[in-house]
Amino acid sequence: MPIGLLSTIAAVFYGGTVSILALTATFARRRALRREARSTLALLVPGRAVEQQR
C-alpha cells in the first residue's frame, strides 16, 4: 500500500475517534462517562488540559 493511503486511513480513524469522544464528552447522560471521555480526549489531543472537578 502506498504511504499516502495509509496516512489517509490513519487520519480518518483518528478524526472519527476524536469526534466520537468529543460528542460523548458533551452529550453523555452519565457524569462518569463524560469524565472518562474527556480524559481520553485529553490524551489524544495535545495541548488540551483536563479540568479537575472537586
N, C-alpha and C. Protein backbone atom coordinates (compact mmCIF):
# COMPACT_ATOMS: atom_id res chain seq x y z
N MET A 1 0.85 -1.19 0.00
CA MET A 1 0.00 0.00 0.00
C MET A 1 0.88 1.24 0.00
N PRO A 2 0.49 2.20 -0.75
CA PRO A 2 1.24 3.46 -0.74
C PRO A 2 1.11 4.16 0.62
N ILE A 3 2.12 4.90 0.97
CA ILE A 3 2.15 5.57 2.27
C ILE A 3 1.05 6.63 2.38
N GLY A 4 0.67 7.24 1.27
CA GLY A 4 -0.40 8.24 1.29
C GLY A 4 -1.74 7.64 1.68
N LEU A 5 -2.00 6.44 1.19
CA LEU A 5 -3.25 5.76 1.52
C LEU A 5 -3.28 5.38 2.99
N LEU A 6 -2.17 4.89 3.50
CA LEU A 6 -2.10 4.54 4.92
C LEU A 6 -2.26 5.77 5.81
N SER A 7 -1.67 6.87 5.40
CA SER A 7 -1.80 8.11 6.16
C SER A 7 -3.24 8.61 6.16
N THR A 8 -3.90 8.49 5.03
CA THR A 8 -5.30 8.91 4.93
C THR A 8 -6.19 8.05 5.81
N ILE A 9 -5.98 6.75 5.81
CA ILE A 9 -6.76 5.84 6.64
C ILE A 9 -6.54 6.16 8.12
N ALA A 10 -5.29 6.39 8.50
CA ALA A 10 -4.99 6.73 9.90
C ALA A 10 -5.63 8.05 10.29
N ALA A 11 -5.61 9.04 9.41
CA ALA A 11 -6.20 10.35 9.71
C ALA A 11 -7.71 10.25 9.86
N VAL A 12 -8.35 9.46 9.03
CA VAL A 12 -9.81 9.28 9.13
C VAL A 12 -10.16 8.55 10.42
N PHE A 13 -9.40 7.53 10.76
CA PHE A 13 -9.64 6.79 12.00
C PHE A 13 -9.45 7.69 13.23
N TYR A 14 -8.38 8.47 13.23
CA TYR A 14 -8.09 9.39 14.33
C TYR A 14 -9.20 10.45 14.45
N GLY A 15 -9.57 11.03 13.34
CA GLY A 15 -10.62 12.05 13.34
C GLY A 15 -11.96 11.50 13.82
N GLY A 16 -12.29 10.29 13.39
CA GLY A 16 -13.52 9.67 13.84
C GLY A 16 -13.51 9.39 15.33
N THR A 17 -12.39 8.90 15.83
CA THR A 17 -12.27 8.61 17.25
C THR A 17 -12.40 9.88 18.08
N VAL A 18 -11.72 10.93 17.66
CA VAL A 18 -11.78 12.20 18.39
C VAL A 18 -13.20 12.76 18.34
N SER A 19 -13.86 12.65 17.21
CA SER A 19 -15.23 13.16 17.08
C SER A 19 -16.19 12.42 18.00
N ILE A 20 -16.09 11.10 18.04
CA ILE A 20 -16.97 10.31 18.91
C ILE A 20 -16.72 10.64 20.37
N LEU A 21 -15.44 10.77 20.74
CA LEU A 21 -15.12 11.12 22.13
C LEU A 21 -15.63 12.52 22.49
N ALA A 22 -15.52 13.46 21.56
CA ALA A 22 -16.00 14.82 21.83
C ALA A 22 -17.52 14.83 22.01
N LEU A 23 -18.23 14.08 21.19
CA LEU A 23 -19.68 14.00 21.34
C LEU A 23 -20.07 13.32 22.64
N THR A 24 -19.34 12.27 23.00
CA THR A 24 -19.62 11.58 24.26
C THR A 24 -19.32 12.48 25.45
N ALA A 25 -18.22 13.20 25.39
CA ALA A 25 -17.85 14.09 26.49
C ALA A 25 -18.85 15.23 26.65
N THR A 26 -19.57 15.55 25.60
CA THR A 26 -20.53 16.64 25.66
C THR A 26 -21.94 16.18 26.01
N PHE A 27 -22.37 15.07 25.41
CA PHE A 27 -23.79 14.71 25.49
C PHE A 27 -24.11 13.45 26.28
N ALA A 28 -23.13 12.81 26.88
CA ALA A 28 -23.42 11.59 27.65
C ALA A 28 -24.27 11.92 28.87
N ARG A 29 -25.17 11.03 29.20
CA ARG A 29 -26.06 11.27 30.34
C ARG A 29 -25.36 11.07 31.67
N ARG A 30 -24.47 10.08 31.73
CA ARG A 30 -23.80 9.79 32.99
C ARG A 30 -22.55 10.64 33.13
N ARG A 31 -22.37 11.21 34.31
CA ARG A 31 -21.22 12.07 34.59
C ARG A 31 -19.91 11.29 34.47
N ALA A 32 -19.89 10.05 34.93
CA ALA A 32 -18.65 9.25 34.87
C ALA A 32 -18.23 9.00 33.42
N LEU A 33 -19.19 8.75 32.56
CA LEU A 33 -18.87 8.52 31.15
C LEU A 33 -18.33 9.79 30.49
N ARG A 34 -18.92 10.94 30.83
CA ARG A 34 -18.39 12.21 30.30
C ARG A 34 -16.98 12.45 30.78
N ARG A 35 -16.71 12.18 32.05
CA ARG A 35 -15.38 12.39 32.62
C ARG A 35 -14.35 11.48 31.95
N GLU A 36 -14.70 10.21 31.74
CA GLU A 36 -13.78 9.28 31.07
C GLU A 36 -13.50 9.71 29.62
N ALA A 37 -14.54 10.15 28.94
CA ALA A 37 -14.35 10.60 27.55
C ALA A 37 -13.45 11.82 27.50
N ARG A 38 -13.61 12.74 28.46
CA ARG A 38 -12.75 13.92 28.49
C ARG A 38 -11.30 13.57 28.77
N SER A 39 -11.08 12.63 29.67
CA SER A 39 -9.69 12.27 29.98
C SER A 39 -9.04 11.55 28.80
N THR A 40 -9.79 10.71 28.10
CA THR A 40 -9.25 10.05 26.91
C THR A 40 -8.99 11.06 25.81
N LEU A 41 -9.90 12.00 25.66
CA LEU A 41 -9.72 13.04 24.66
C LEU A 41 -8.48 13.89 24.94
N ALA A 42 -8.21 14.13 26.21
CA ALA A 42 -7.02 14.92 26.58
C ALA A 42 -5.73 14.18 26.20
N LEU A 43 -5.77 12.86 26.20
CA LEU A 43 -4.60 12.09 25.78
C LEU A 43 -4.38 12.17 24.27
N LEU A 44 -5.48 12.21 23.53
CA LEU A 44 -5.37 12.16 22.07
C LEU A 44 -5.14 13.53 21.43
N VAL A 45 -5.57 14.60 22.11
CA VAL A 45 -5.43 15.94 21.55
C VAL A 45 -4.41 16.70 22.39
N PRO A 46 -3.22 16.90 21.87
CA PRO A 46 -2.18 17.59 22.65
C PRO A 46 -2.53 19.06 22.88
N GLY A 47 -2.11 19.55 24.05
CA GLY A 47 -2.31 20.96 24.36
C GLY A 47 -3.62 21.26 25.03
N ARG A 48 -4.43 20.25 25.29
CA ARG A 48 -5.71 20.44 25.95
C ARG A 48 -5.63 19.84 27.34
N ALA A 49 -5.86 20.66 28.37
CA ALA A 49 -5.79 20.19 29.75
C ALA A 49 -7.17 19.76 30.23
N VAL A 50 -7.20 18.77 31.08
CA VAL A 50 -8.44 18.31 31.67
C VAL A 50 -8.70 19.10 32.95
N GLU A 51 -9.90 19.62 33.07
CA GLU A 51 -10.25 20.37 34.28
C GLU A 51 -10.48 19.38 35.42
N GLN A 52 -9.93 19.69 36.57
CA GLN A 52 -10.13 18.86 37.75
C GLN A 52 -11.39 19.32 38.46
N GLN A 53 -12.33 18.42 38.62
CA GLN A 53 -13.56 18.74 39.33
C GLN A 53 -13.45 18.26 40.77
N ARG A 54 -13.95 19.04 41.69
CA ARG A 54 -13.89 18.66 43.10
C ARG A 54 -15.23 18.20 43.58
